[in-house]
Amino acid sequence: MDNIGYMNPDDALKRVGGNKGLYVKLLGRFVEGNQYEEFIEVLQTGDMEEAARKIHALKGVVANLSLEKLHEDTIALEKAIKSGDDYEVLLMLFKSSYEITLEMIAEYTK
C-alpha cells in the first residue's frame, strides 16, 4: 500500500535525528494511545469546547509524526468545531484518514 500523502517518514525521521527506532516507537505509542477514541467520546457528549481541545492536541501529535493526511483533516475539523460549523462530513473524512493511517503505520512498522 502506497503511503504517499498519508505518512512522510523522511520528514519524521529528520525530527527524530534519523533514529528510525525512535520513530517506530513513537508510532507505536500513537497507535496504542487513545487520543482518537477520547476525542470521539467527548464529541459525542456535545462538549464542543473539550472536543476542540482534544482535536487540537491530536493535531499536534500527528504533525510531529508527519502523518500528513490526518494532520490536514485535524486542521479542518478543529476549525469547524471552533467556529460552530457543521463538521459531519469532515468527521467522516477524519475517521477514514485515521483508519488508513493506522494501516500505513502497520505496514511501515512490520
PDB file of N, CA and C in Angstrom:
ATOM      1  N   MET A   1       0.857  -1.185   0.000  1.00  0.00           N
ATOM      2  CA  MET A   1       0.000   0.000   0.000  1.00  0.00           C
ATOM      3  C   MET A   1       0.899   1.242   0.000  1.00  0.00           C
ATOM      4  N   ASP A   2       0.583   2.169  -0.860  1.00  0.00           N
ATOM      5  CA  ASP A   2       1.373   3.380  -1.020  1.00  0.00           C
ATOM      6  C   ASP A   2       1.001   4.381   0.072  1.00  0.00           C
ATOM      7  N   ASN A   3       1.992   4.884   0.793  1.00  0.00           N
ATOM      8  CA  ASN A   3       1.693   5.800   1.902  1.00  0.00           C
ATOM      9  C   ASN A   3       1.802   7.265   1.516  1.00  0.00           C
ATOM     10  N   ILE A   4       1.988   7.545   0.232  1.00  0.00           N
ATOM     11  CA  ILE A   4       2.148   8.934  -0.207  1.00  0.00           C
ATOM     12  C   ILE A   4       0.915   9.738   0.179  1.00  0.00           C
ATOM     13  N   GLY A   5       1.156  10.833   0.846  1.00  0.00           N
ATOM     14  CA  GLY A   5       0.074  11.698   1.285  1.00  0.00           C
ATOM     15  C   GLY A   5      -0.416  11.392   2.690  1.00  0.00           C
ATOM     16  N   TYR A   6      -0.180  10.184   3.151  1.00  0.00           N
ATOM     17  CA  TYR A   6      -0.630   9.810   4.488  1.00  0.00           C
ATOM     18  C   TYR A   6       0.499   9.913   5.507  1.00  0.00           C
ATOM     19  N   MET A   7       1.654   9.438   5.129  1.00  0.00           N
ATOM     20  CA  MET A   7       2.810   9.484   6.026  1.00  0.00           C
ATOM     21  C   MET A   7       3.991  10.062   5.264  1.00  0.00           C
ATOM     22  N   ASN A   8       4.851  10.743   5.994  1.00  0.00           N
ATOM     23  CA  ASN A   8       6.095  11.227   5.407  1.00  0.00           C
ATOM     24  C   ASN A   8       7.232  10.827   6.357  1.00  0.00           C
ATOM     25  N   PRO A   9       7.634   9.558   6.279  1.00  0.00           N
ATOM     26  CA  PRO A   9       8.678   9.080   7.190  1.00  0.00           C
ATOM     27  C   PRO A   9       9.985   9.864   7.081  1.00  0.00           C
ATOM     28  N   ASP A  10      10.343  10.298   5.882  1.00  0.00           N
ATOM     29  CA  ASP A  10      11.590  11.049   5.729  1.00  0.00           C
ATOM     30  C   ASP A  10      11.565  12.326   6.568  1.00  0.00           C
ATOM     31  N   ASP A  11      10.439  13.033   6.521  1.00  0.00           N
ATOM     32  CA  ASP A  11      10.292  14.256   7.317  1.00  0.00           C
ATOM     33  C   ASP A  11      10.324  13.925   8.810  1.00  0.00           C
ATOM     34  N   ALA A  12       9.606  12.878   9.182  1.00  0.00           N
ATOM     35  CA  ALA A  12       9.554  12.495  10.596  1.00  0.00           C
ATOM     36  C   ALA A  12      10.928  12.084  11.114  1.00  0.00           C
ATOM     37  N   LEU A  13      11.665  11.376  10.287  1.00  0.00           N
ATOM     38  CA  LEU A  13      12.990  10.946  10.718  1.00  0.00           C
ATOM     39  C   LEU A  13      13.915  12.132  10.951  1.00  0.00           C
ATOM     40  N   LYS A  14      13.741  13.183  10.180  1.00  0.00           N
ATOM     41  CA  LYS A  14      14.518  14.404  10.427  1.00  0.00           C
ATOM     42  C   LYS A  14      14.192  14.965  11.807  1.00  0.00           C
ATOM     43  N   ARG A  15      12.945  14.853  12.205  1.00  0.00           N
ATOM     44  CA  ARG A  15      12.507  15.377  13.506  1.00  0.00           C
ATOM     45  C   ARG A  15      13.114  14.604  14.677  1.00  0.00           C
ATOM     46  N   VAL A  16      13.430  13.332  14.421  1.00  0.00           N
ATOM     47  CA  VAL A  16      13.981  12.498  15.496  1.00  0.00           C
ATOM     48  C   VAL A  16      15.454  12.163  15.245  1.00  0.00           C
ATOM     49  N   GLY A  17      16.111  13.029  14.516  1.00  0.00           N
ATOM     50  CA  GLY A  17      17.549  12.876  14.299  1.00  0.00           C
ATOM     51  C   GLY A  17      17.932  11.620  13.536  1.00  0.00           C
ATOM     52  N   GLY A  18      17.035  11.141  12.668  1.00  0.00           N
ATOM     53  CA  GLY A  18      17.328   9.962  11.867  1.00  0.00           C
ATOM     54  C   GLY A  18      17.178   8.644  12.605  1.00  0.00           C
ATOM     55  N   ASN A  19      16.676   8.687  13.819  1.00  0.00           N
ATOM     56  CA  ASN A  19      16.544   7.496  14.649  1.00  0.00           C
ATOM     57  C   ASN A  19      15.239   6.763  14.308  1.00  0.00           C
ATOM     58  N   LYS A  20      15.339   5.790  13.379  1.00  0.00           N
ATOM     59  CA  LYS A  20      14.144   5.064  12.945  1.00  0.00           C
ATOM     60  C   LYS A  20      13.510   4.280  14.098  1.00  0.00           C
ATOM     61  N   GLY A  21      14.330   3.735  14.965  1.00  0.00           N
ATOM     62  CA  GLY A  21      13.794   3.001  16.115  1.00  0.00           C
ATOM     63  C   GLY A  21      12.916   3.876  16.987  1.00  0.00           C
ATOM     64  N   LEU A  22      13.357   5.109  17.203  1.00  0.00           N
ATOM     65  CA  LEU A  22      12.554   6.043  17.993  1.00  0.00           C
ATOM     66  C   LEU A  22      11.255   6.388  17.276  1.00  0.00           C
ATOM     67  N   TYR A  23      11.347   6.621  15.976  1.00  0.00           N
ATOM     68  CA  TYR A  23      10.136   6.935  15.200  1.00  0.00           C
ATOM     69  C   TYR A  23       9.134   5.784  15.272  1.00  0.00           C
ATOM     70  N   VAL A  24       9.620   4.573  15.095  1.00  0.00           N
ATOM     71  CA  VAL A  24       8.740   3.405  15.166  1.00  0.00           C
ATOM     72  C   VAL A  24       8.113   3.307  16.560  1.00  0.00           C
ATOM     73  N   LYS A  25       8.897   3.589  17.592  1.00  0.00           N
ATOM     74  CA  LYS A  25       8.378   3.565  18.966  1.00  0.00           C
ATOM     75  C   LYS A  25       7.279   4.621  19.152  1.00  0.00           C
ATOM     76  N   LEU A  26       7.509   5.814  18.621  1.00  0.00           N
ATOM     77  CA  LEU A  26       6.511   6.884  18.728  1.00  0.00           C
ATOM     78  C   LEU A  26       5.242   6.549  17.946  1.00  0.00           C
ATOM     79  N   LEU A  27       5.405   5.930  16.784  1.00  0.00           N
ATOM     80  CA  LEU A  27       4.233   5.493  16.016  1.00  0.00           C
ATOM     81  C   LEU A  27       3.449   4.454  16.814  1.00  0.00           C
ATOM     82  N   GLY A  28       4.172   3.554  17.479  1.00  0.00           N
ATOM     83  CA  GLY A  28       3.517   2.549  18.310  1.00  0.00           C
ATOM     84  C   GLY A  28       2.722   3.169  19.443  1.00  0.00           C
ATOM     85  N   ARG A  29       3.300   4.170  20.061  1.00  0.00           N
ATOM     86  CA  ARG A  29       2.580   4.875  21.135  1.00  0.00           C
ATOM     87  C   ARG A  29       1.321   5.551  20.599  1.00  0.00           C
ATOM     88  N   PHE A  30       1.423   6.114  19.394  1.00  0.00           N
ATOM     89  CA  PHE A  30       0.256   6.744  18.783  1.00  0.00           C
ATOM     90  C   PHE A  30      -0.837   5.701  18.547  1.00  0.00           C
ATOM     91  N   VAL A  31      -0.467   4.564  17.989  1.00  0.00           N
ATOM     92  CA  VAL A  31      -1.441   3.514  17.695  1.00  0.00           C
ATOM     93  C   VAL A  31      -2.076   2.988  18.981  1.00  0.00           C
ATOM     94  N   GLU A  32      -1.252   2.772  19.995  1.00  0.00           N
ATOM     95  CA  GLU A  32      -1.748   2.215  21.259  1.00  0.00           C
ATOM     96  C   GLU A  32      -2.464   3.246  22.121  1.00  0.00           C
ATOM     97  N   GLY A  33      -2.184   4.520  21.882  1.00  0.00           N
ATOM     98  CA  GLY A  33      -2.819   5.580  22.653  1.00  0.00           C
ATOM     99  C   GLY A  33      -4.300   5.659  22.353  1.00  0.00           C
ATOM    100  N   ASN A  34      -4.977   6.462  23.103  1.00  0.00           N
ATOM    101  CA  ASN A  34      -6.418   6.548  22.919  1.00  0.00           C
ATOM    102  C   ASN A  34      -6.889   7.975  22.652  1.00  0.00           C
ATOM    103  N   GLN A  35      -6.034   8.816  22.104  1.00  0.00           N
ATOM    104  CA  GLN A  35      -6.437  10.198  21.847  1.00  0.00           C
ATOM    105  C   GLN A  35      -7.590  10.274  20.854  1.00  0.00           C
ATOM    106  N   TYR A  36      -7.553   9.427  19.844  1.00  0.00           N
ATOM    107  CA  TYR A  36      -8.633   9.406  18.860  1.00  0.00           C
ATOM    108  C   TYR A  36      -9.953   9.031  19.538  1.00  0.00           C
ATOM    109  N   GLU A  37      -9.931   7.950  20.300  1.00  0.00           N
ATOM    110  CA  GLU A  37     -11.143   7.485  20.967  1.00  0.00           C
ATOM    111  C   GLU A  37     -11.651   8.525  21.974  1.00  0.00           C
ATOM    112  N   GLU A  38     -10.733   9.149  22.696  1.00  0.00           N
ATOM    113  CA  GLU A  38     -11.135  10.184  23.654  1.00  0.00           C
ATOM    114  C   GLU A  38     -11.814  11.349  22.940  1.00  0.00           C
ATOM    115  N   PHE A  39     -11.272  11.743  21.803  1.00  0.00           N
ATOM    116  CA  PHE A  39     -11.876  12.829  21.033  1.00  0.00           C
ATOM    117  C   PHE A  39     -13.293  12.457  20.606  1.00  0.00           C
ATOM    118  N   ILE A  40     -13.469  11.256  20.050  1.00  0.00           N
ATOM    119  CA  ILE A  40     -14.786  10.817  19.587  1.00  0.00           C
ATOM    120  C   ILE A  40     -15.772  10.775  20.751  1.00  0.00           C
ATOM    121  N   GLU A  41     -15.343  10.261  21.886  1.00  0.00           N
ATOM    122  CA  GLU A  41     -16.217  10.182  23.068  1.00  0.00           C
ATOM    123  C   GLU A  41     -16.660  11.570  23.517  1.00  0.00           C
ATOM    124  N   VAL A  42     -15.733  12.502  23.585  1.00  0.00           N
ATOM    125  CA  VAL A  42     -16.068  13.865  24.018  1.00  0.00           C
ATOM    126  C   VAL A  42     -16.989  14.523  23.000  1.00  0.00           C
ATOM    127  N   LEU A  43     -16.715  14.312  21.740  1.00  0.00           N
ATOM    128  CA  LEU A  43     -17.553  14.882  20.687  1.00  0.00           C
ATOM    129  C   LEU A  43     -18.988  14.384  20.819  1.00  0.00           C
ATOM    130  N   GLN A  44     -19.149  13.120  21.144  1.00  0.00           N
ATOM    131  CA  GLN A  44     -20.480  12.532  21.290  1.00  0.00           C
ATOM    132  C   GLN A  44     -21.236  13.100  22.490  1.00  0.00           C
ATOM    133  N   THR A  45     -20.519  13.629  23.475  1.00  0.00           N
ATOM    134  CA  THR A  45     -21.193  14.222  24.631  1.00  0.00           C
ATOM    135  C   THR A  45     -21.713  15.622  24.311  1.00  0.00           C
ATOM    136  N   GLY A  46     -21.194  16.207  23.221  1.00  0.00           N
ATOM    137  CA  GLY A  46     -21.619  17.552  22.850  1.00  0.00           C
ATOM    138  C   GLY A  46     -20.800  18.658  23.493  1.00  0.00           C
ATOM    139  N   ASP A  47     -19.761  18.312  24.235  1.00  0.00           N
ATOM    140  CA  ASP A  47     -18.897  19.313  24.855  1.00  0.00           C
ATOM    141  C   ASP A  47     -17.896  19.791  23.797  1.00  0.00           C
ATOM    142  N   MET A  48     -18.315  20.795  23.039  1.00  0.00           N
ATOM    143  CA  MET A  48     -17.523  21.233  21.897  1.00  0.00           C
ATOM    144  C   MET A  48     -16.227  21.928  22.312  1.00  0.00           C
ATOM    145  N   GLU A  49     -16.224  22.551  23.458  1.00  0.00           N
ATOM    146  CA  GLU A  49     -15.002  23.196  23.936  1.00  0.00           C
ATOM    147  C   GLU A  49     -13.933  22.142  24.233  1.00  0.00           C
ATOM    148  N   GLU A  50     -14.332  21.081  24.907  1.00  0.00           N
ATOM    149  CA  GLU A  50     -13.387  19.994  25.198  1.00  0.00           C
ATOM    150  C   GLU A  50     -13.015  19.242  23.925  1.00  0.00           C
ATOM    151  N   ALA A  51     -13.970  19.071  23.024  1.00  0.00           N
ATOM    152  CA  ALA A  51     -13.681  18.408  21.750  1.00  0.00           C
ATOM    153  C   ALA A  51     -12.632  19.204  20.970  1.00  0.00           C
ATOM    154  N   ALA A  52     -12.738  20.520  21.001  1.00  0.00           N
ATOM    155  CA  ALA A  52     -11.760  21.374  20.319  1.00  0.00           C
ATOM    156  C   ALA A  52     -10.379  21.198  20.947  1.00  0.00           C
ATOM    157  N   ARG A  53     -10.321  21.082  22.257  1.00  0.00           N
ATOM    158  CA  ARG A  53      -9.035  20.862  22.931  1.00  0.00           C
ATOM    159  C   ARG A  53      -8.429  19.507  22.549  1.00  0.00           C
ATOM    160  N   LYS A  54      -9.287  18.488  22.506  1.00  0.00           N
ATOM    161  CA  LYS A  54      -8.807  17.140  22.177  1.00  0.00           C
ATOM    162  C   LYS A  54      -8.287  17.072  20.742  1.00  0.00           C
ATOM    163  N   ILE A  55      -9.018  17.652  19.797  1.00  0.00           N
ATOM    164  CA  ILE A  55      -8.587  17.590  18.400  1.00  0.00           C
ATOM    165  C   ILE A  55      -7.323  18.437  18.203  1.00  0.00           C
ATOM    166  N   HIS A  56      -7.203  19.515  18.963  1.00  0.00           N
ATOM    167  CA  HIS A  56      -6.007  20.347  18.879  1.00  0.00           C
ATOM    168  C   HIS A  56      -4.779  19.551  19.338  1.00  0.00           C
ATOM    169  N   ALA A  57      -4.919  18.829  20.432  1.00  0.00           N
ATOM    170  CA  ALA A  57      -3.811  18.010  20.930  1.00  0.00           C
ATOM    171  C   ALA A  57      -3.460  16.915  19.928  1.00  0.00           C
ATOM    172  N   LEU A  58      -4.466  16.294  19.371  1.00  0.00           N
ATOM    173  CA  LEU A  58      -4.241  15.246  18.382  1.00  0.00           C
ATOM    174  C   LEU A  58      -3.566  15.815  17.134  1.00  0.00           C
ATOM    175  N   LYS A  59      -3.944  17.017  16.766  1.00  0.00           N
ATOM    176  CA  LYS A  59      -3.337  17.690  15.611  1.00  0.00           C
ATOM    177  C   LYS A  59      -1.834  17.835  15.821  1.00  0.00           C
ATOM    178  N   GLY A  60      -1.426  18.203  17.005  1.00  0.00           N
ATOM    179  CA  GLY A  60      -0.003  18.350  17.302  1.00  0.00           C
ATOM    180  C   GLY A  60       0.748  17.034  17.229  1.00  0.00           C
ATOM    181  N   VAL A  61       0.144  15.984  17.730  1.00  0.00           N
ATOM    182  CA  VAL A  61       0.787  14.664  17.710  1.00  0.00           C
ATOM    183  C   VAL A  61       0.985  14.197  16.274  1.00  0.00           C
ATOM    184  N   VAL A  62      -0.076  14.273  15.471  1.00  0.00           N
ATOM    185  CA  VAL A  62       0.038  13.767  14.099  1.00  0.00           C
ATOM    186  C   VAL A  62       0.982  14.634  13.263  1.00  0.00           C
ATOM    187  N   ALA A  63       1.061  15.922  13.575  1.00  0.00           N
ATOM    188  CA  ALA A  63       2.016  16.785  12.874  1.00  0.00           C
ATOM    189  C   ALA A  63       3.442  16.359  13.199  1.00  0.00           C
ATOM    190  N   ASN A  64       3.718  16.109  14.461  1.00  0.00           N
ATOM    191  CA  ASN A  64       5.063  15.708  14.869  1.00  0.00           C
ATOM    192  C   ASN A  64       5.472  14.357  14.301  1.00  0.00           C
ATOM    193  N   LEU A  65       4.483  13.499  14.034  1.00  0.00           N
ATOM    194  CA  LEU A  65       4.762  12.188  13.452  1.00  0.00           C
ATOM    195  C   LEU A  65       4.739  12.227  11.925  1.00  0.00           C
ATOM    196  N   SER A  66       4.482  13.400  11.371  1.00  0.00           N
ATOM    197  CA  SER A  66       4.399  13.590   9.911  1.00  0.00           C
ATOM    198  C   SER A  66       3.349  12.684   9.278  1.00  0.00           C
ATOM    199  N   LEU A  67       2.205  12.585   9.944  1.00  0.00           N
ATOM    200  CA  LEU A  67       1.056  11.857   9.404  1.00  0.00           C
ATOM    201  C   LEU A  67       0.211  12.891   8.666  1.00  0.00           C
ATOM    202  N   GLU A  68       0.592  13.156   7.442  1.00  0.00           N
ATOM    203  CA  GLU A  68       0.172  14.351   6.716  1.00  0.00           C
ATOM    204  C   GLU A  68      -1.326  14.455   6.436  1.00  0.00           C
ATOM    205  N   LYS A  69      -1.933  13.410   5.905  1.00  0.00           N
ATOM    206  CA  LYS A  69      -3.364  13.490   5.576  1.00  0.00           C
ATOM    207  C   LYS A  69      -4.177  13.647   6.858  1.00  0.00           C
ATOM    208  N   LEU A  70      -3.816  12.906   7.859  1.00  0.00           N
ATOM    209  CA  LEU A  70      -4.522  13.011   9.137  1.00  0.00           C
ATOM    210  C   LEU A  70      -4.348  14.408   9.723  1.00  0.00           C
ATOM    211  N   HIS A  71      -3.174  14.979   9.558  1.00  0.00           N
ATOM    212  CA  HIS A  71      -2.939  16.340  10.033  1.00  0.00           C
ATOM    213  C   HIS A  71      -3.836  17.334   9.301  1.00  0.00           C
ATOM    214  N   GLU A  72      -3.926  17.208   7.991  1.00  0.00           N
ATOM    215  CA  GLU A  72      -4.817  18.090   7.221  1.00  0.00           C
ATOM    216  C   GLU A  72      -6.256  17.978   7.715  1.00  0.00           C
ATOM    217  N   ASP A  73      -6.690  16.754   7.957  1.00  0.00           N
ATOM    218  CA  ASP A  73      -8.069  16.545   8.406  1.00  0.00           C
ATOM    219  C   ASP A  73      -8.303  17.077   9.811  1.00  0.00           C
ATOM    220  N   THR A  74      -7.309  16.984  10.688  1.00  0.00           N
ATOM    221  CA  THR A  74      -7.490  17.526  12.042  1.00  0.00           C
ATOM    222  C   THR A  74      -7.567  19.046  11.995  1.00  0.00           C
ATOM    223  N   ILE A  75      -6.812  19.665  11.096  1.00  0.00           N
ATOM    224  CA  ILE A  75      -6.870  21.126  10.953  1.00  0.00           C
ATOM    225  C   ILE A  75      -8.281  21.556  10.553  1.00  0.00           C
ATOM    226  N   ALA A  76      -8.826  20.908   9.538  1.00  0.00           N
ATOM    227  CA  ALA A  76     -10.164  21.264   9.047  1.00  0.00           C
ATOM    228  C   ALA A  76     -11.230  20.997  10.107  1.00  0.00           C
ATOM    229  N   LEU A  77     -11.111  19.876  10.778  1.00  0.00           N
ATOM    230  CA  LEU A  77     -12.090  19.510  11.800  1.00  0.00           C
ATOM    231  C   LEU A  77     -12.027  20.460  12.991  1.00  0.00           C
ATOM    232  N   GLU A  78     -10.831  20.789  13.421  1.00  0.00           N
ATOM    233  CA  GLU A  78     -10.685  21.733  14.535  1.00  0.00           C
ATOM    234  C   GLU A  78     -11.303  23.084  14.177  1.00  0.00           C
ATOM    235  N   LYS A  79     -11.039  23.549  12.984  1.00  0.00           N
ATOM    236  CA  LYS A  79     -11.583  24.836  12.540  1.00  0.00           C
ATOM    237  C   LYS A  79     -13.110  24.814  12.555  1.00  0.00           C
ATOM    238  N   ALA A  80     -13.710  23.748  12.038  1.00  0.00           N
ATOM    239  CA  ALA A  80     -15.175  23.642  12.009  1.00  0.00           C
ATOM    240  C   ALA A  80     -15.755  23.593  13.420  1.00  0.00           C
ATOM    241  N   ILE A  81     -15.128  22.826  14.291  1.00  0.00           N
ATOM    242  CA  ILE A  81     -15.629  22.711  15.665  1.00  0.00           C
ATOM    243  C   ILE A  81     -15.537  24.052  16.374  1.00  0.00           C
ATOM    244  N   LYS A  82     -14.406  24.723  16.248  1.00  0.00           N
ATOM    245  CA  LYS A  82     -14.223  26.004  16.931  1.00  0.00           C
ATOM    246  C   LYS A  82     -15.160  27.081  16.400  1.00  0.00           C
ATOM    247  N   SER A  83     -15.493  27.025  15.131  1.00  0.00           N
ATOM    248  CA  SER A  83     -16.353  28.057  14.552  1.00  0.00           C
ATOM    249  C   SER A  83     -17.832  27.705  14.627  1.00  0.00           C
ATOM    250  N   GLY A  84     -18.146  26.500  15.093  1.00  0.00           N
ATOM    251  CA  GLY A  84     -19.535  26.095  15.217  1.00  0.00           C
ATOM    252  C   GLY A  84     -20.149  25.654  13.901  1.00  0.00           C
ATOM    253  N   ASP A  85     -19.311  25.409  12.898  1.00  0.00           N
ATOM    254  CA  ASP A  85     -19.810  24.963  11.601  1.00  0.00           C
ATOM    255  C   ASP A  85     -20.166  23.480  11.647  1.00  0.00           C
ATOM    256  N   ASP A  86     -20.936  23.047  10.651  1.00  0.00           N
ATOM    257  CA  ASP A  86     -21.267  21.634  10.527  1.00  0.00           C
ATOM    258  C   ASP A  86     -19.974  20.866  10.240  1.00  0.00           C
ATOM    259  N   TYR A  87     -19.741  19.817  10.985  1.00  0.00           N
ATOM    260  CA  TYR A  87     -18.473  19.091  10.868  1.00  0.00           C
ATOM    261  C   TYR A  87     -18.669  17.620  10.500  1.00  0.00           C
ATOM    262  N   GLU A  88     -19.883  17.203  10.218  1.00  0.00           N
ATOM    263  CA  GLU A  88     -20.154  15.777   9.998  1.00  0.00           C
ATOM    264  C   GLU A  88     -19.353  15.194   8.833  1.00  0.00           C
ATOM    265  N   VAL A  89     -19.303  15.876   7.704  1.00  0.00           N
ATOM    266  CA  VAL A  89     -18.549  15.376   6.555  1.00  0.00           C
ATOM    267  C   VAL A  89     -17.057  15.346   6.895  1.00  0.00           C
ATOM    268  N   LEU A  90     -16.592  16.388   7.559  1.00  0.00           N
ATOM    269  CA  LEU A  90     -15.177  16.428   7.960  1.00  0.00           C
ATOM    270  C   LEU A  90     -14.848  15.299   8.928  1.00  0.00           C
ATOM    271  N   LEU A  91     -15.794  14.976   9.796  1.00  0.00           N
ATOM    272  CA  LEU A  91     -15.587  13.892  10.748  1.00  0.00           C
ATOM    273  C   LEU A  91     -15.476  12.556  10.021  1.00  0.00           C
ATOM    274  N   MET A  92     -16.309  12.352   9.001  1.00  0.00           N
ATOM    275  CA  MET A  92     -16.216  11.115   8.225  1.00  0.00           C
ATOM    276  C   MET A  92     -14.867  11.009   7.517  1.00  0.00           C
ATOM    277  N   LEU A  93     -14.410  12.121   6.950  1.00  0.00           N
ATOM    278  CA  LEU A  93     -13.097  12.127   6.287  1.00  0.00           C
ATOM    279  C   LEU A  93     -11.980  11.845   7.290  1.00  0.00           C
ATOM    280  N   PHE A  94     -12.094  12.458   8.461  1.00  0.00           N
ATOM    281  CA  PHE A  94     -11.116  12.260   9.527  1.00  0.00           C
ATOM    282  C   PHE A  94     -11.063  10.791   9.951  1.00  0.00           C
ATOM    283  N   LYS A  95     -12.226  10.190  10.160  1.00  0.00           N
ATOM    284  CA  LYS A  95     -12.273   8.780  10.562  1.00  0.00           C
ATOM    285  C   LYS A  95     -11.647   7.890   9.498  1.00  0.00           C
ATOM    286  N   SER A  96     -11.955   8.170   8.242  1.00  0.00           N
ATOM    287  CA  SER A  96     -11.384   7.392   7.145  1.00  0.00           C
ATOM    288  C   SER A  96      -9.864   7.545   7.103  1.00  0.00           C
ATOM    289  N   SER A  97      -9.386   8.766   7.220  1.00  0.00           N
ATOM    290  CA  SER A  97      -7.942   9.018   7.220  1.00  0.00           C
ATOM    291  C   SER A  97      -7.265   8.330   8.397  1.00  0.00           C
ATOM    292  N   TYR A  98      -7.929   8.334   9.536  1.00  0.00           N
ATOM    293  CA  TYR A  98      -7.377   7.686  10.726  1.00  0.00           C
ATOM    294  C   TYR A  98      -7.196   6.197  10.473  1.00  0.00           C
ATOM    295  N   GLU A  99      -8.223   5.566   9.935  1.00  0.00           N
ATOM    296  CA  GLU A  99      -8.156   4.125   9.677  1.00  0.00           C
ATOM    297  C   GLU A  99      -7.077   3.789   8.652  1.00  0.00           C
ATOM    298  N   ILE A 100      -7.004   4.563   7.586  1.00  0.00           N
ATOM    299  CA  ILE A 100      -5.984   4.327   6.562  1.00  0.00           C
ATOM    300  C   ILE A 100      -4.590   4.572   7.138  1.00  0.00           C
ATOM    301  N   THR A 101      -4.465   5.607   7.949  1.00  0.00           N
ATOM    302  CA  THR A 101      -3.171   5.912   8.571  1.00  0.00           C
ATOM    303  C   THR A 101      -2.714   4.763   9.463  1.00  0.00           C
ATOM    304  N   LEU A 102      -3.628   4.170  10.211  1.00  0.00           N
ATOM    305  CA  LEU A 102      -3.262   3.019  11.042  1.00  0.00           C
ATOM    306  C   LEU A 102      -2.751   1.870  10.181  1.00  0.00           C
ATOM    307  N   GLU A 103      -3.376   1.665   9.021  1.00  0.00           N
ATOM    308  CA  GLU A 103      -2.916   0.622   8.102  1.00  0.00           C
ATOM    309  C   GLU A 103      -1.513   0.958   7.590  1.00  0.00           C
ATOM    310  N   MET A 104      -1.283   2.221   7.278  1.00  0.00           N
ATOM    311  CA  MET A 104       0.032   2.652   6.788  1.00  0.00           C
ATOM    312  C   MET A 104       1.103   2.449   7.860  1.00  0.00           C
ATOM    313  N   ILE A 105       0.751   2.774   9.083  1.00  0.00           N
ATOM    314  CA  ILE A 105       1.699   2.597  10.187  1.00  0.00           C
ATOM    315  C   ILE A 105       2.025   1.125  10.360  1.00  0.00           C
ATOM    316  N   ALA A 106       1.005   0.283  10.304  1.00  0.00           N
ATOM    317  CA  ALA A 106       1.226  -1.168  10.449  1.00  0.00           C
ATOM    318  C   ALA A 106       2.156  -1.675   9.352  1.00  0.00           C
ATOM    319  N   GLU A 107       1.950  -1.208   8.147  1.00  0.00           N
ATOM    320  CA  GLU A 107       2.793  -1.619   7.027  1.00  0.00           C
ATOM    321  C   GLU A 107       4.233  -1.119   7.221  1.00  0.00           C
ATOM    322  N   TYR A 108       4.367   0.117   7.662  1.00  0.00           N
ATOM    323  CA  TYR A 108       5.690   0.719   7.839  1.00  0.00           C
ATOM    324  C   TYR A 108       6.479   0.061   8.961  1.00  0.00           C
ATOM    325  N   THR A 109       5.797  -0.346  10.008  1.00  0.00           N
ATOM    326  CA  THR A 109       6.483  -0.851  11.202  1.00  0.00           C
ATOM    327  C   THR A 109       6.652  -2.365  11.226  1.00  0.00           C
ATOM    328  N   LYS A 110       6.163  -3.065  10.209  1.00  0.00           N
ATOM    329  CA  LYS A 110       6.292  -4.539  10.261  1.00  0.00           C
ATOM    330  C   LYS A 110       7.670  -5.020   9.894  1.00  0.00           C
TER     331      LYS A 110
END
